[in-house]
Amino acid sequence: MCDIKKFDKIYKDIETLSQRDIMELISEAKTEDEKNFYETIGNFFLQKRQRECIERNVF
């Protein structure tokens, strides 16, 4: 069984990353899989912010 609290903390830590942090992680990635992982995380949070803007009728 996985440690839910451990992964909840990881999510919360990742959620605090700035776009600049994510770009740095991508550029410093050691493998293509790592780079793809960080890109996916960046895209996830970008989409989340876009949804929030749409919901607030910013666009």
N, C-alpha and C. Protein backbone atom coordinates (compact mmCIF):
# COMPACT_ATOMS: atom_id res chain seq x y z
N MET A 1 0.85 -1.17 0.00
CA MET A 1 0.00 0.00 0.00
C MET A 1 0.90 1.24 0.00
N CYS A 2 0.52 2.24 -0.76
CA CYS A 2 1.36 3.44 -0.83
C CYS A 2 1.08 4.38 0.34
N ASP A 3 2.04 5.22 0.59
CA ASP A 3 1.97 6.18 1.69
C ASP A 3 1.29 7.45 1.17
N ILE A 4 -0.01 7.55 1.36
CA ILE A 4 -0.82 8.66 0.84
C ILE A 4 -0.28 10.01 1.33
N LYS A 5 0.07 10.10 2.59
CA LYS A 5 0.57 11.36 3.15
C LYS A 5 1.85 11.80 2.45
N LYS A 6 2.70 10.84 2.14
CA LYS A 6 3.96 11.14 1.45
C LYS A 6 3.68 11.77 0.08
N PHE A 7 2.76 11.18 -0.67
CA PHE A 7 2.46 11.69 -2.00
C PHE A 7 1.64 12.97 -1.96
N ASP A 8 0.84 13.13 -0.93
CA ASP A 8 0.11 14.39 -0.76
C ASP A 8 1.11 15.53 -0.53
N LYS A 9 2.14 15.26 0.26
CA LYS A 9 3.19 16.27 0.49
C LYS A 9 3.94 16.57 -0.80
N ILE A 10 4.24 15.55 -1.58
CA ILE A 10 4.94 15.76 -2.86
C ILE A 10 4.10 16.65 -3.76
N TYR A 11 2.80 16.37 -3.85
CA TYR A 11 1.91 17.19 -4.66
C TYR A 11 1.91 18.64 -4.20
N LYS A 12 1.79 18.84 -2.91
CA LYS A 12 1.77 20.20 -2.36
C LYS A 12 3.10 20.92 -2.62
N ASP A 13 4.21 20.19 -2.53
CA ASP A 13 5.51 20.79 -2.83
C ASP A 13 5.60 21.17 -4.31
N ILE A 14 5.15 20.30 -5.17
CA ILE A 14 5.19 20.57 -6.61
C ILE A 14 4.28 21.74 -6.96
N GLU A 15 3.15 21.81 -6.30
CA GLU A 15 2.17 22.87 -6.56
C GLU A 15 2.75 24.27 -6.29
N THR A 16 3.76 24.36 -5.43
CA THR A 16 4.34 25.66 -5.10
C THR A 16 5.40 26.12 -6.10
N LEU A 17 5.77 25.25 -7.04
CA LEU A 17 6.80 25.62 -8.02
C LEU A 17 6.31 26.75 -8.91
N SER A 18 7.18 27.68 -9.20
CA SER A 18 6.85 28.74 -10.15
C SER A 18 7.12 28.24 -11.56
N GLN A 19 6.63 28.97 -12.54
CA GLN A 19 6.90 28.61 -13.93
C GLN A 19 8.41 28.63 -14.19
N ARG A 20 9.10 29.55 -13.59
CA ARG A 20 10.56 29.64 -13.72
C ARG A 20 11.23 28.39 -13.14
N ASP A 21 10.74 27.93 -11.98
CA ASP A 21 11.28 26.71 -11.37
C ASP A 21 11.10 25.51 -12.31
N ILE A 22 9.92 25.41 -12.88
CA ILE A 22 9.63 24.29 -13.78
C ILE A 22 10.53 24.34 -15.01
N MET A 23 10.73 25.54 -15.55
CA MET A 23 11.62 25.69 -16.71
C MET A 23 13.05 25.28 -16.35
N GLU A 24 13.48 25.61 -15.16
CA GLU A 24 14.81 25.21 -14.71
C GLU A 24 14.90 23.69 -14.57
N LEU A 25 13.88 23.08 -14.00
CA LEU A 25 13.86 21.63 -13.88
C LEU A 25 13.94 20.96 -15.25
N ILE A 26 13.20 21.50 -16.21
CA ILE A 26 13.22 20.96 -17.57
C ILE A 26 14.61 21.08 -18.18
N SER A 27 15.20 22.25 -18.04
CA SER A 27 16.51 22.46 -18.67
C SER A 27 17.62 21.67 -18.00
N GLU A 28 17.46 21.34 -16.72
CA GLU A 28 18.48 20.59 -15.98
C GLU A 28 18.20 19.09 -15.92
N ALA A 29 17.13 18.65 -16.55
CA ALA A 29 16.77 17.22 -16.51
C ALA A 29 17.89 16.38 -17.11
N LYS A 30 18.16 15.27 -16.46
CA LYS A 30 19.25 14.39 -16.88
C LYS A 30 18.84 13.41 -17.97
N THR A 31 17.55 13.10 -18.03
CA THR A 31 17.06 12.14 -19.03
C THR A 31 15.86 12.73 -19.76
N GLU A 32 15.54 12.15 -20.89
CA GLU A 32 14.36 12.58 -21.65
C GLU A 32 13.09 12.31 -20.86
N ASP A 33 13.04 11.19 -20.13
CA ASP A 33 11.87 10.89 -19.30
C ASP A 33 11.67 11.95 -18.22
N GLU A 34 12.76 12.35 -17.59
CA GLU A 34 12.69 13.39 -16.56
C GLU A 34 12.18 14.70 -17.17
N LYS A 35 12.71 15.05 -18.33
CA LYS A 35 12.28 16.27 -19.02
C LYS A 35 10.79 16.21 -19.33
N ASN A 36 10.34 15.08 -19.86
CA ASN A 36 8.92 14.91 -20.18
C ASN A 36 8.05 15.00 -18.93
N PHE A 37 8.54 14.45 -17.83
CA PHE A 37 7.80 14.49 -16.57
C PHE A 37 7.60 15.95 -16.12
N TYR A 38 8.67 16.73 -16.13
CA TYR A 38 8.57 18.12 -15.70
C TYR A 38 7.72 18.94 -16.66
N GLU A 39 7.81 18.65 -17.96
CA GLU A 39 6.96 19.34 -18.92
C GLU A 39 5.49 19.04 -18.67
N THR A 40 5.20 17.79 -18.35
CA THR A 40 3.82 17.39 -18.06
C THR A 40 3.30 18.10 -16.82
N ILE A 41 4.13 18.18 -15.80
CA ILE A 41 3.74 18.90 -14.58
C ILE A 41 3.48 20.38 -14.91
N GLY A 42 4.37 20.98 -15.66
CA GLY A 42 4.19 22.38 -16.05
C GLY A 42 2.90 22.59 -16.82
N ASN A 43 2.62 21.69 -17.75
CA ASN A 43 1.39 21.80 -18.54
C ASN A 43 0.15 21.63 -17.67
N PHE A 44 0.21 20.71 -16.72
CA PHE A 44 -0.92 20.48 -15.82
C PHE A 44 -1.28 21.77 -15.07
N PHE A 45 -0.28 22.40 -14.47
CA PHE A 45 -0.56 23.59 -13.69
C PHE A 45 -0.90 24.80 -14.56
N LEU A 46 -0.36 24.86 -15.77
CA LEU A 46 -0.75 25.90 -16.71
C LEU A 46 -2.22 25.75 -17.08
N GLN A 47 -2.64 24.52 -17.38
CA GLN A 47 -4.04 24.28 -17.71
C GLN A 47 -4.95 24.62 -16.53
N LYS A 48 -4.50 24.32 -15.33
CA LYS A 48 -5.29 24.64 -14.14
C LYS A 48 -5.48 26.15 -14.02
N ARG A 49 -4.40 26.92 -14.23
CA ARG A 49 -4.51 28.38 -14.16
C ARG A 49 -5.39 28.92 -15.29
N GLN A 50 -5.31 28.32 -16.47
CA GLN A 50 -6.16 28.74 -17.58
C GLN A 50 -7.63 28.52 -17.26
N ARG A 51 -7.94 27.34 -16.69
CA ARG A 51 -9.33 27.06 -16.30
C ARG A 51 -9.84 28.07 -15.29
N GLU A 52 -8.99 28.41 -14.32
CA GLU A 52 -9.39 29.38 -13.30
C GLU A 52 -9.66 30.75 -13.93
N CYS A 53 -8.85 31.15 -14.89
CA CYS A 53 -9.06 32.43 -15.58
C CYS A 53 -10.37 32.41 -16.37
N ILE A 54 -10.63 31.32 -17.04
CA ILE A 54 -11.86 31.19 -17.82
C ILE A 54 -13.07 31.24 -16.88
N GLU A 55 -12.99 30.56 -15.77
CA GLU A 55 -14.10 30.55 -14.81
C GLU A 55 -14.36 31.95 -14.24
N ARG A 56 -13.33 32.76 -14.15
CA ARG A 56 -13.49 34.13 -13.64
C ARG A 56 -13.79 35.11 -14.77
N ASN A 57 -13.98 34.60 -15.98
CA ASN A 57 -14.29 35.41 -17.17
C ASN A 57 -13.20 36.45 -17.45
N VAL A 58 -11.96 36.05 -17.22
CA VAL A 58 -10.83 36.95 -17.52
C VAL A 58 -10.67 37.08 -19.03
N PHE A 59 -11.04 36.03 -19.75
CA PHE A 59 -10.92 36.05 -21.22
C PHE A 59 -12.19 36.50 -21.85
